[in-house]
Amino acid sequence: MDLEDIISKYPPGKLMLIPAGIIALALVILGATWLTTGSPVNLGVEFTGGTVVTVPATTSEEDLSKQVANYPLLDIRQLGDRYLMEFGPMSDSDYTVLAKLITSQYQDAEIRYMGPVYSQGLQAQALQYIPLSFLFMAIVVLVLFRNPMVSGIVAGCALADILIAAASMNITGIKLSLGTVAALLMLIGYSVDTDILLTKTALTPRRTLTVDETIVSAMRTGLMMTGTTIAAVLALFIASNVLYLVIPGFQRMNIIADISTVLLFGLAADVFNTWITNAQAIRWFMNRPKKAAAGRQKR
């Protein structure tokens, strides 16, 4: 089965049921997380406030957990030859006692404290800038195509990418941090690139090509673009998640690991949403009787 068969074998209505089901599942996951935590994604220390501690892995994880059992330990994991512990908000006196306990037992321990006021400020900025970025993107797309329906399709596909990437964060246990916020913002821009490539190519009148043929032409270029990007992100993923297991002294790069993972999920969702959701929506739009033809003549 070649690309043209994938694009044109089935009517748009049937193929659109697949992405609709995946988006609905993503919304269910985000909604369930919202009901249990008060946020659609699990928030990291940067947004909730707390303390991050890294210490040498000179004892077992169980023993280390017992040492800090009196403090609000949220997560503990081993990164190479060190343990990383995340603590929830605590009083200043508890933080002081914890810091003394850690520094007295581990010479090269690292302690990072995020105050609640600072964390609330970061949370407010994230809630402001992500919707604003999406809004400005939608305005640019509307100005470019001058058609609310076509622009809505492009913006909807970009939104679907973000929803699926966010839902994947909840499934894999990745928390929302400054790094993953940056990854989501990057996905907004990248998903629009491929959608604009497809939409612009399909809407440009060509006497010798059908709508399906123009979509296939754009698909070949778009998949090459996405493939090279996925290859680069995959290299980051391997470097941050695997190298510390095989190279002595090499530590796991937490922030890079989280960013690359979110980007991989988002790019995979973009392939699906661009070349199924957007492509089938464009097929439906361009093949409407009379109205689509009149729209093409105006252009």
C-alpha atoms as a PDB file:
ATOM      1  CA  MET A   1       0.000   0.000   0.000  1.00  0.00           C
ATOM      2  CA  ASP A   2       1.549   3.318  -1.101  1.00  0.00           C
ATOM      3  CA  LEU A   3       1.023   6.813   0.299  1.00  0.00           C
ATOM      4  CA  GLU A   4      -1.814   7.597  -2.095  1.00  0.00           C
ATOM      5  CA  ASP A   5      -3.720   4.504  -0.927  1.00  0.00           C
ATOM      6  CA  ILE A   6      -3.301   5.585   2.695  1.00  0.00           C
ATOM      7  CA  ILE A   7      -4.628   9.052   1.894  1.00  0.00           C
ATOM      8  CA  SER A   8      -7.467   8.247  -0.493  1.00  0.00           C
ATOM      9  CA  LYS A   9      -8.618   4.649   0.064  1.00  0.00           C
ATOM     10  CA  TYR A  10     -11.121   5.467   2.816  1.00  0.00           C
ATOM     11  CA  PRO A  11     -13.625   8.336   3.092  1.00  0.00           C
ATOM     12  CA  PRO A  12     -12.588  11.186   5.439  1.00  0.00           C
ATOM     13  CA  GLY A  13     -15.457  10.540   7.840  1.00  0.00           C
ATOM     14  CA  LYS A  14     -14.314   7.014   8.698  1.00  0.00           C
ATOM     15  CA  LEU A  15     -10.636   7.874   9.081  1.00  0.00           C
ATOM     16  CA  MET A  16     -11.450  10.831  11.311  1.00  0.00           C
ATOM     17  CA  LEU A  17     -12.963   8.456  13.877  1.00  0.00           C
ATOM     18  CA  ILE A  18      -9.465   7.185  14.743  1.00  0.00           C
ATOM     19  CA  PRO A  19      -7.950  10.545  15.802  1.00  0.00           C
ATOM     20  CA  ALA A  20     -11.216  11.498  17.487  1.00  0.00           C
ATOM     21  CA  GLY A  21     -10.946   8.399  19.676  1.00  0.00           C
ATOM     22  CA  ILE A  22      -7.305   9.091  20.562  1.00  0.00           C
ATOM     23  CA  ILE A  23      -8.039  12.719  21.433  1.00  0.00           C
ATOM     24  CA  ALA A  24     -11.004  11.613  23.559  1.00  0.00           C
ATOM     25  CA  LEU A  25      -8.721   9.186  25.422  1.00  0.00           C
ATOM     26  CA  ALA A  26      -6.180  11.972  26.007  1.00  0.00           C
ATOM     27  CA  LEU A  27      -8.936  14.199  27.410  1.00  0.00           C
ATOM     28  CA  VAL A  28     -10.067  11.410  29.747  1.00  0.00           C
ATOM     29  CA  ILE A  29      -6.495  10.996  31.060  1.00  0.00           C
ATOM     30  CA  LEU A  30      -6.069  14.744  31.547  1.00  0.00           C
ATOM     31  CA  GLY A  31      -9.493  15.018  33.180  1.00  0.00           C
ATOM     32  CA  ALA A  32      -8.778  12.164  35.590  1.00  0.00           C
ATOM     33  CA  THR A  33      -5.490  13.785  36.591  1.00  0.00           C
ATOM     34  CA  TRP A  34      -7.260  17.114  37.093  1.00  0.00           C
ATOM     35  CA  LEU A  35      -9.851  15.515  39.393  1.00  0.00           C
ATOM     36  CA  THR A  36      -7.184  13.825  41.517  1.00  0.00           C
ATOM     37  CA  THR A  37      -4.494  16.526  41.630  1.00  0.00           C
ATOM     38  CA  GLY A  38      -6.250  19.784  40.721  1.00  0.00           C
ATOM     39  CA  SER A  39      -4.156  20.131  37.551  1.00  0.00           C
ATOM     40  CA  PRO A  40      -4.444  18.407  34.135  1.00  0.00           C
ATOM     41  CA  VAL A  41      -0.774  17.377  34.399  1.00  0.00           C
ATOM     42  CA  ASN A  42       1.322  16.452  37.400  1.00  0.00           C
ATOM     43  CA  LEU A  43       3.200  19.547  38.539  1.00  0.00           C
ATOM     44  CA  GLY A  44       6.908  19.483  39.301  1.00  0.00           C
ATOM     45  CA  VAL A  45       8.670  21.150  42.201  1.00  0.00           C
ATOM     46  CA  GLU A  46       9.088  24.377  40.211  1.00  0.00           C
ATOM     47  CA  PHE A  47       5.292  24.845  40.243  1.00  0.00           C
ATOM     48  CA  THR A  48       4.341  23.379  43.607  1.00  0.00           C
ATOM     49  CA  GLY A  49       7.228  24.513  45.765  1.00  0.00           C
ATOM     50  CA  GLY A  50       9.565  22.138  47.560  1.00  0.00           C
ATOM     51  CA  THR A  51      13.113  20.910  47.837  1.00  0.00           C
ATOM     52  CA  VAL A  52      15.285  18.861  45.473  1.00  0.00           C
ATOM     53  CA  VAL A  53      18.202  16.964  47.004  1.00  0.00           C
ATOM     54  CA  THR A  54      20.868  14.902  45.254  1.00  0.00           C
ATOM     55  CA  VAL A  55      23.280  12.742  47.238  1.00  0.00           C
ATOM     56  CA  PRO A  56      25.864  10.041  46.380  1.00  0.00           C
ATOM     57  CA  ALA A  57      24.406   6.541  46.082  1.00  0.00           C
ATOM     58  CA  THR A  58      26.398   5.135  48.992  1.00  0.00           C
ATOM     59  CA  THR A  59      23.437   3.366  50.585  1.00  0.00           C
ATOM     60  CA  SER A  60      20.310   1.576  49.423  1.00  0.00           C
ATOM     61  CA  GLU A  61      17.240   3.458  48.314  1.00  0.00           C
ATOM     62  CA  GLU A  62      15.243   1.879  51.142  1.00  0.00           C
ATOM     63  CA  ASP A  63      17.708   3.011  53.805  1.00  0.00           C
ATOM     64  CA  LEU A  64      17.807   6.521  52.368  1.00  0.00           C
ATOM     65  CA  SER A  65      14.010   6.685  52.449  1.00  0.00           C
ATOM     66  CA  LYS A  66      14.031   5.711  56.115  1.00  0.00           C
ATOM     67  CA  GLN A  67      16.520   8.489  56.914  1.00  0.00           C
ATOM     68  CA  VAL A  68      14.147  11.149  55.561  1.00  0.00           C
ATOM     69  CA  ALA A  69      10.888   9.449  56.594  1.00  0.00           C
ATOM     70  CA  ASN A  70       9.896  12.453  58.743  1.00  0.00           C
ATOM     71  CA  TYR A  71       9.830  14.795  55.738  1.00  0.00           C
ATOM     72  CA  PRO A  72       7.357  15.071  52.820  1.00  0.00           C
ATOM     73  CA  LEU A  73       9.287  12.889  50.342  1.00  0.00           C
ATOM     74  CA  LEU A  74       7.494  12.873  46.973  1.00  0.00           C
ATOM     75  CA  ASP A  75       9.911  10.926  44.817  1.00  0.00           C
ATOM     76  CA  ILE A  76      13.280   9.228  44.978  1.00  0.00           C
ATOM     77  CA  ARG A  77      15.203   7.720  42.066  1.00  0.00           C
ATOM     78  CA  GLN A  78      18.754   6.757  41.219  1.00  0.00           C
ATOM     79  CA  LEU A  79      20.567   8.703  38.509  1.00  0.00           C
ATOM     80  CA  GLY A  80      23.859   7.016  37.792  1.00  0.00           C
ATOM     81  CA  ASP A  81      25.916   7.099  40.991  1.00  0.00           C
ATOM     82  CA  ARG A  82      23.589   9.545  42.787  1.00  0.00           C
ATOM     83  CA  TYR A  83      20.087   9.616  44.243  1.00  0.00           C
ATOM     84  CA  LEU A  84      17.657  12.426  43.500  1.00  0.00           C
ATOM     85  CA  MET A  85      14.961  13.158  46.075  1.00  0.00           C
ATOM     86  CA  GLU A  86      12.018  15.553  45.716  1.00  0.00           C
ATOM     87  CA  PHE A  87      10.298  16.878  48.827  1.00  0.00           C
ATOM     88  CA  GLY A  88       7.017  18.729  48.998  1.00  0.00           C
ATOM     89  CA  PRO A  89       6.493  22.068  50.755  1.00  0.00           C
ATOM     90  CA  MET A  90       7.700  22.173  54.359  1.00  0.00           C
ATOM     91  CA  SER A  91       8.214  24.743  57.075  1.00  0.00           C
ATOM     92  CA  ASP A  92      11.444  26.721  57.340  1.00  0.00           C
ATOM     93  CA  SER A  93      12.377  24.870  60.528  1.00  0.00           C
ATOM     94  CA  ASP A  94      11.870  21.462  58.874  1.00  0.00           C
ATOM     95  CA  TYR A  95      13.914  22.585  55.870  1.00  0.00           C
ATOM     96  CA  THR A  96      16.750  23.709  58.129  1.00  0.00           C
ATOM     97  CA  VAL A  97      16.783  20.391  60.011  1.00  0.00           C
ATOM     98  CA  LEU A  98      16.649  18.419  56.736  1.00  0.00           C
ATOM     99  CA  ALA A  99      19.517  20.426  55.258  1.00  0.00           C
ATOM    100  CA  LYS A 100      21.645  19.792  58.343  1.00  0.00           C
ATOM    101  CA  LEU A 101      20.831  16.077  58.240  1.00  0.00           C
ATOM    102  CA  ILE A 102      21.805  15.781  54.574  1.00  0.00           C
ATOM    103  CA  THR A 103      25.002  17.847  54.757  1.00  0.00           C
ATOM    104  CA  SER A 104      26.182  16.032  57.888  1.00  0.00           C
ATOM    105  CA  GLN A 105      25.958  12.632  56.201  1.00  0.00           C
ATOM    106  CA  TYR A 106      26.927  13.484  52.601  1.00  0.00           C
ATOM    107  CA  GLN A 107      29.857  15.773  51.808  1.00  0.00           C
ATOM    108  CA  ASP A 108      28.952  16.667  48.216  1.00  0.00           C
ATOM    109  CA  ALA A 109      25.181  16.791  48.581  1.00  0.00           C
ATOM    110  CA  GLU A 110      23.243  19.333  46.521  1.00  0.00           C
ATOM    111  CA  ILE A 111      20.132  21.006  47.935  1.00  0.00           C
ATOM    112  CA  ARG A 112      17.819  23.261  45.919  1.00  0.00           C
ATOM    113  CA  TYR A 113      14.846  24.987  47.523  1.00  0.00           C
ATOM    114  CA  MET A 114      11.857  26.404  45.627  1.00  0.00           C
ATOM    115  CA  GLY A 115       9.719  28.740  47.720  1.00  0.00           C
ATOM    116  CA  PRO A 116       5.905  28.660  47.387  1.00  0.00           C
ATOM    117  CA  VAL A 117       5.655  32.301  46.306  1.00  0.00           C
ATOM    118  CA  TYR A 118       8.187  31.824  43.516  1.00  0.00           C
ATOM    119  CA  SER A 119       6.498  28.568  42.457  1.00  0.00           C
ATOM    120  CA  GLN A 120       3.064  30.200  42.312  1.00  0.00           C
ATOM    121  CA  GLY A 121       4.539  32.944  40.128  1.00  0.00           C
ATOM    122  CA  LEU A 122       5.981  30.372  37.722  1.00  0.00           C
ATOM    123  CA  GLN A 123       2.663  28.528  37.630  1.00  0.00           C
ATOM    124  CA  ALA A 124       0.801  31.732  36.785  1.00  0.00           C
ATOM    125  CA  GLN A 125       3.263  32.526  33.989  1.00  0.00           C
ATOM    126  CA  ALA A 126       2.917  29.046  32.503  1.00  0.00           C
ATOM    127  CA  LEU A 127      -0.877  29.292  32.582  1.00  0.00           C
ATOM    128  CA  GLN A 128      -0.595  32.662  30.828  1.00  0.00           C
ATOM    129  CA  TYR A 129       2.076  32.070  28.209  1.00  0.00           C
ATOM    130  CA  ILE A 130       1.003  28.663  26.849  1.00  0.00           C
ATOM    131  CA  PRO A 131      -2.545  29.839  25.934  1.00  0.00           C
ATOM    132  CA  LEU A 132      -1.153  33.139  24.613  1.00  0.00           C
ATOM    133  CA  SER A 133       1.336  31.311  22.390  1.00  0.00           C
ATOM    134  CA  PHE A 134      -1.472  29.168  21.027  1.00  0.00           C
ATOM    135  CA  LEU A 135      -3.715  32.194  20.485  1.00  0.00           C
ATOM    136  CA  PHE A 136      -1.069  34.154  18.558  1.00  0.00           C
ATOM    137  CA  MET A 137      -0.334  31.059  16.467  1.00  0.00           C
ATOM    138  CA  ALA A 138      -4.023  30.752  15.580  1.00  0.00           C
ATOM    139  CA  ILE A 139      -4.160  34.440  14.601  1.00  0.00           C
ATOM    140  CA  VAL A 140      -1.124  34.065  12.304  1.00  0.00           C
ATOM    141  CA  VAL A 141      -2.686  30.997  10.654  1.00  0.00           C
ATOM    142  CA  LEU A 142      -5.973  32.869  10.160  1.00  0.00           C
ATOM    143  CA  VAL A 143      -4.167  35.802   8.550  1.00  0.00           C
ATOM    144  CA  LEU A 144      -2.216  33.411   6.310  1.00  0.00           C
ATOM    145  CA  PHE A 145      -5.173  31.415   4.965  1.00  0.00           C
ATOM    146  CA  ARG A 146      -7.973  33.992   5.429  1.00  0.00           C
ATOM    147  CA  ASN A 147     -10.460  31.161   5.944  1.00  0.00           C
ATOM    148  CA  PRO A 148     -11.822  30.447   9.456  1.00  0.00           C
ATOM    149  CA  MET A 149     -12.595  26.794   8.682  1.00  0.00           C
ATOM    150  CA  VAL A 150      -9.147  25.989   7.282  1.00  0.00           C
ATOM    151  CA  SER A 151      -7.444  27.932  10.066  1.00  0.00           C
ATOM    152  CA  GLY A 152      -9.545  26.099  12.631  1.00  0.00           C
ATOM    153  CA  ILE A 153      -8.414  22.752  11.225  1.00  0.00           C
ATOM    154  CA  VAL A 154      -4.740  23.740  11.523  1.00  0.00           C
ATOM    155  CA  ALA A 155      -5.170  25.130  15.043  1.00  0.00           C
ATOM    156  CA  GLY A 156      -7.188  22.080  16.083  1.00  0.00           C
ATOM    157  CA  CYS A 157      -4.430  19.707  14.953  1.00  0.00           C
ATOM    158  CA  ALA A 158      -1.829  21.704  16.897  1.00  0.00           C
ATOM    159  CA  LEU A 159      -4.063  21.586  19.988  1.00  0.00           C
ATOM    160  CA  ALA A 160      -4.466  17.814  19.556  1.00  0.00           C
ATOM    161  CA  ASP A 161      -0.671  17.417  19.533  1.00  0.00           C
ATOM    162  CA  ILE A 162      -0.390  19.293  22.828  1.00  0.00           C
ATOM    163  CA  LEU A 163      -3.227  17.321  24.456  1.00  0.00           C
ATOM    164  CA  ILE A 164      -1.698  13.971  23.449  1.00  0.00           C
ATOM    165  CA  ALA A 165       1.783  15.034  24.587  1.00  0.00           C
ATOM    166  CA  ALA A 166       0.400  16.238  27.938  1.00  0.00           C
ATOM    167  CA  ALA A 167      -1.557  13.003  28.424  1.00  0.00           C
ATOM    168  CA  SER A 168       1.595  11.004  27.662  1.00  0.00           C
ATOM    169  CA  MET A 169       3.369  12.923  30.433  1.00  0.00           C
ATOM    170  CA  ASN A 170       0.787  11.670  32.929  1.00  0.00           C
ATOM    171  CA  ILE A 171       1.143   8.090  31.666  1.00  0.00           C
ATOM    172  CA  THR A 172       4.953   8.070  31.843  1.00  0.00           C
ATOM    173  CA  GLY A 173       5.186   9.994  35.126  1.00  0.00           C
ATOM    174  CA  ILE A 174       6.878  13.076  33.676  1.00  0.00           C
ATOM    175  CA  LYS A 175       5.962  16.179  35.631  1.00  0.00           C
ATOM    176  CA  LEU A 176       5.371  19.675  34.322  1.00  0.00           C
ATOM    177  CA  SER A 177       8.584  21.637  34.800  1.00  0.00           C
ATOM    178  CA  LEU A 178      10.209  24.621  33.152  1.00  0.00           C
ATOM    179  CA  GLY A 179      11.829  22.205  30.704  1.00  0.00           C
ATOM    180  CA  THR A 180       8.634  20.401  29.729  1.00  0.00           C
ATOM    181  CA  VAL A 181       6.802  23.728  29.364  1.00  0.00           C
ATOM    182  CA  ALA A 182       9.484  24.688  26.825  1.00  0.00           C
ATOM    183  CA  ALA A 183       8.943  21.338  25.067  1.00  0.00           C
ATOM    184  CA  LEU A 184       5.196  21.972  24.792  1.00  0.00           C
ATOM    185  CA  LEU A 185       5.836  25.448  23.384  1.00  0.00           C
ATOM    186  CA  MET A 186       8.230  23.965  20.817  1.00  0.00           C
ATOM    187  CA  LEU A 187       5.558  21.464  19.809  1.00  0.00           C
ATOM    188  CA  ILE A 188       3.095  24.283  19.099  1.00  0.00           C
ATOM    189  CA  GLY A 189       5.508  25.801  16.597  1.00  0.00           C
ATOM    190  CA  TYR A 190       6.604  22.546  15.033  1.00  0.00           C
ATOM    191  CA  SER A 191       3.115  21.097  14.586  1.00  0.00           C
ATOM    192  CA  VAL A 192       1.999  24.262  12.812  1.00  0.00           C
ATOM    193  CA  ASP A 193       4.948  23.977  10.398  1.00  0.00           C
ATOM    194  CA  THR A 194       3.834  20.606   9.060  1.00  0.00           C
ATOM    195  CA  ASP A 195       0.147  21.577   9.020  1.00  0.00           C
ATOM    196  CA  ILE A 196       0.902  24.754   7.066  1.00  0.00           C
ATOM    197  CA  LEU A 197       3.034  22.779   4.610  1.00  0.00           C
ATOM    198  CA  LEU A 198       0.146  20.386   3.985  1.00  0.00           C
ATOM    199  CA  THR A 199      -2.601  23.006   3.884  1.00  0.00           C
ATOM    200  CA  LYS A 200      -0.728  25.477   1.683  1.00  0.00           C
ATOM    201  CA  THR A 201       0.198  22.749  -0.790  1.00  0.00           C
ATOM    202  CA  ALA A 202      -3.328  21.330  -0.935  1.00  0.00           C
ATOM    203  CA  LEU A 203      -5.023  24.713  -1.345  1.00  0.00           C
ATOM    204  CA  THR A 204      -2.720  25.889  -4.156  1.00  0.00           C
ATOM    205  CA  PRO A 205      -4.566  25.281  -7.458  1.00  0.00           C
ATOM    206  CA  ARG A 206      -2.773  22.809  -9.745  1.00  0.00           C
ATOM    207  CA  ARG A 207      -4.321  21.818 -13.032  1.00  0.00           C
ATOM    208  CA  THR A 208      -2.393  18.561 -13.425  1.00  0.00           C
ATOM    209  CA  LEU A 209      -2.830  17.181  -9.881  1.00  0.00           C
ATOM    210  CA  THR A 210      -5.851  16.082  -7.891  1.00  0.00           C
ATOM    211  CA  VAL A 211      -6.361  16.997  -4.248  1.00  0.00           C
ATOM    212  CA  ASP A 212      -5.155  13.566  -3.126  1.00  0.00           C
ATOM    213  CA  GLU A 213      -2.038  13.853  -5.286  1.00  0.00           C
ATOM    214  CA  THR A 214      -1.110  17.242  -3.823  1.00  0.00           C
ATOM    215  CA  ILE A 215      -1.556  15.845  -0.307  1.00  0.00           C
ATOM    216  CA  VAL A 216       0.729  12.908  -1.148  1.00  0.00           C
ATOM    217  CA  SER A 217       3.318  15.345  -2.533  1.00  0.00           C
ATOM    218  CA  ALA A 218       3.247  17.367   0.679  1.00  0.00           C
ATOM    219  CA  MET A 219       3.316  14.170   2.726  1.00  0.00           C
ATOM    220  CA  ARG A 220       6.615  13.025   1.210  1.00  0.00           C
ATOM    221  CA  THR A 221       8.262  16.332   2.121  1.00  0.00           C
ATOM    222  CA  GLY A 222       6.619  16.537   5.530  1.00  0.00           C
ATOM    223  CA  LEU A 223       7.565  13.024   6.603  1.00  0.00           C
ATOM    224  CA  MET A 224      11.173  13.731   5.638  1.00  0.00           C
ATOM    225  CA  MET A 225      11.118  16.882   7.802  1.00  0.00           C
ATOM    226  CA  THR A 226       9.567  15.078  10.744  1.00  0.00           C
ATOM    227  CA  GLY A 227      11.850  12.087  10.350  1.00  0.00           C
ATOM    228  CA  THR A 228      15.004  14.190  10.623  1.00  0.00           C
ATOM    229  CA  THR A 229      13.609  15.990  13.671  1.00  0.00           C
ATOM    230  CA  ILE A 230      12.661  12.722  15.373  1.00  0.00           C
ATOM    231  CA  ALA A 231      16.164  11.372  14.669  1.00  0.00           C
ATOM    232  CA  ALA A 232      17.747  14.398  16.370  1.00  0.00           C
ATOM    233  CA  VAL A 233      15.402  14.205  19.371  1.00  0.00           C
ATOM    234  CA  LEU A 234      15.947  10.445  19.609  1.00  0.00           C
ATOM    235  CA  ALA A 235      19.694  11.070  19.855  1.00  0.00           C
ATOM    236  CA  LEU A 236      19.027  13.408  22.809  1.00  0.00           C
ATOM    237  CA  PHE A 237      16.768  10.803  24.379  1.00  0.00           C
ATOM    238  CA  ILE A 238      19.427   8.094  24.128  1.00  0.00           C
ATOM    239  CA  ALA A 239      22.183  10.390  25.392  1.00  0.00           C
ATOM    240  CA  SER A 240      20.167  11.461  28.420  1.00  0.00           C
ATOM    241  CA  ASN A 241      18.579   8.098  29.311  1.00  0.00           C
ATOM    242  CA  VAL A 242      21.068   5.417  28.274  1.00  0.00           C
ATOM    243  CA  LEU A 243      24.642   6.707  28.284  1.00  0.00           C
ATOM    244  CA  TYR A 244      24.866   6.915  32.076  1.00  0.00           C
ATOM    245  CA  LEU A 245      24.220   3.157  32.201  1.00  0.00           C
ATOM    246  CA  VAL A 246      27.215   2.310  30.025  1.00  0.00           C
ATOM    247  CA  ILE A 247      29.687   5.141  30.688  1.00  0.00           C
ATOM    248  CA  PRO A 248      31.152   5.266  34.218  1.00  0.00           C
ATOM    249  CA  GLY A 249      30.733   8.653  35.878  1.00  0.00           C
ATOM    250  CA  PHE A 250      28.217   9.846  33.289  1.00  0.00           C
ATOM    251  CA  GLN A 251      25.100  11.156  35.042  1.00  0.00           C
ATOM    252  CA  ARG A 252      21.554  11.030  33.744  1.00  0.00           C
ATOM    253  CA  MET A 253      20.475  14.428  32.389  1.00  0.00           C
ATOM    254  CA  ASN A 254      17.042  14.809  33.950  1.00  0.00           C
ATOM    255  CA  ILE A 255      15.850  17.900  32.148  1.00  0.00           C
ATOM    256  CA  ILE A 256      17.068  16.732  28.735  1.00  0.00           C
ATOM    257  CA  ALA A 257      15.491  13.317  29.303  1.00  0.00           C
ATOM    258  CA  ASP A 258      12.104  14.866  30.108  1.00  0.00           C
ATOM    259  CA  ILE A 259      12.220  17.344  27.205  1.00  0.00           C
ATOM    260  CA  SER A 260      13.238  14.697  24.659  1.00  0.00           C
ATOM    261  CA  THR A 261      10.549  12.281  25.876  1.00  0.00           C
ATOM    262  CA  VAL A 262       7.788  14.886  25.606  1.00  0.00           C
ATOM    263  CA  LEU A 263       9.036  15.927  22.168  1.00  0.00           C
ATOM    264  CA  LEU A 264       9.054  12.327  20.924  1.00  0.00           C
ATOM    265  CA  PHE A 265       5.457  11.806  22.008  1.00  0.00           C
ATOM    266  CA  GLY A 266       4.446  15.158  20.522  1.00  0.00           C
ATOM    267  CA  LEU A 267       6.208  14.529  17.198  1.00  0.00           C
ATOM    268  CA  ALA A 268       4.612  11.092  16.920  1.00  0.00           C
ATOM    269  CA  ALA A 269       1.229  12.691  17.576  1.00  0.00           C
ATOM    270  CA  ASP A 270       2.015  15.345  14.960  1.00  0.00           C
ATOM    271  CA  VAL A 271       2.648  12.704  12.284  1.00  0.00           C
ATOM    272  CA  PHE A 272      -0.713  11.187  13.060  1.00  0.00           C
ATOM    273  CA  ASN A 273      -2.675  14.425  13.348  1.00  0.00           C
ATOM    274  CA  THR A 274      -1.131  16.084  10.300  1.00  0.00           C
ATOM    275  CA  TRP A 275      -1.313  13.222   7.822  1.00  0.00           C
ATOM    276  CA  ILE A 276      -4.599  11.712   8.988  1.00  0.00           C
ATOM    277  CA  THR A 277      -6.605  14.354  10.844  1.00  0.00           C
ATOM    278  CA  ASN A 278      -5.563  17.425   8.850  1.00  0.00           C
ATOM    279  CA  ALA A 279      -5.185  15.586   5.526  1.00  0.00           C
ATOM    280  CA  GLN A 280      -8.651  14.063   5.741  1.00  0.00           C
ATOM    281  CA  ALA A 281     -10.183  17.359   6.840  1.00  0.00           C
ATOM    282  CA  ILE A 282      -8.561  19.062   3.842  1.00  0.00           C
ATOM    283  CA  ARG A 283      -9.865  16.306   1.534  1.00  0.00           C
ATOM    284  CA  TRP A 284     -13.363  16.901   2.877  1.00  0.00           C
ATOM    285  CA  PHE A 285     -13.025  20.688   2.576  1.00  0.00           C
ATOM    286  CA  MET A 286     -11.645  20.651  -0.971  1.00  0.00           C
ATOM    287  CA  ASN A 287     -14.134  18.066  -2.270  1.00  0.00           C
ATOM    288  CA  ARG A 288     -17.275  19.804  -1.066  1.00  0.00           C
ATOM    289  CA  PRO A 289     -19.611  20.388  -4.033  1.00  0.00           C
ATOM    290  CA  LYS A 290     -19.847  23.952  -5.366  1.00  0.00           C
ATOM    291  CA  LYS A 291     -18.692  25.682  -2.159  1.00  0.00           C
ATOM    292  CA  ALA A 292     -15.162  24.331  -2.339  1.00  0.00           C
ATOM    293  CA  ALA A 293     -14.994  25.065  -6.035  1.00  0.00           C
ATOM    294  CA  ALA A 294     -16.151  28.627  -5.480  1.00  0.00           C
ATOM    295  CA  GLY A 295     -13.593  29.059  -2.720  1.00  0.00           C
ATOM    296  CA  ARG A 296     -10.767  27.917  -5.004  1.00  0.00           C
ATOM    297  CA  GLN A 297     -11.887  30.324  -7.733  1.00  0.00           C
ATOM    298  CA  LYS A 298     -11.727  33.255  -5.328  1.00  0.00           C
ATOM    299  CA  ARG A 299      -8.133  32.426  -4.564  1.00  0.00           C
END
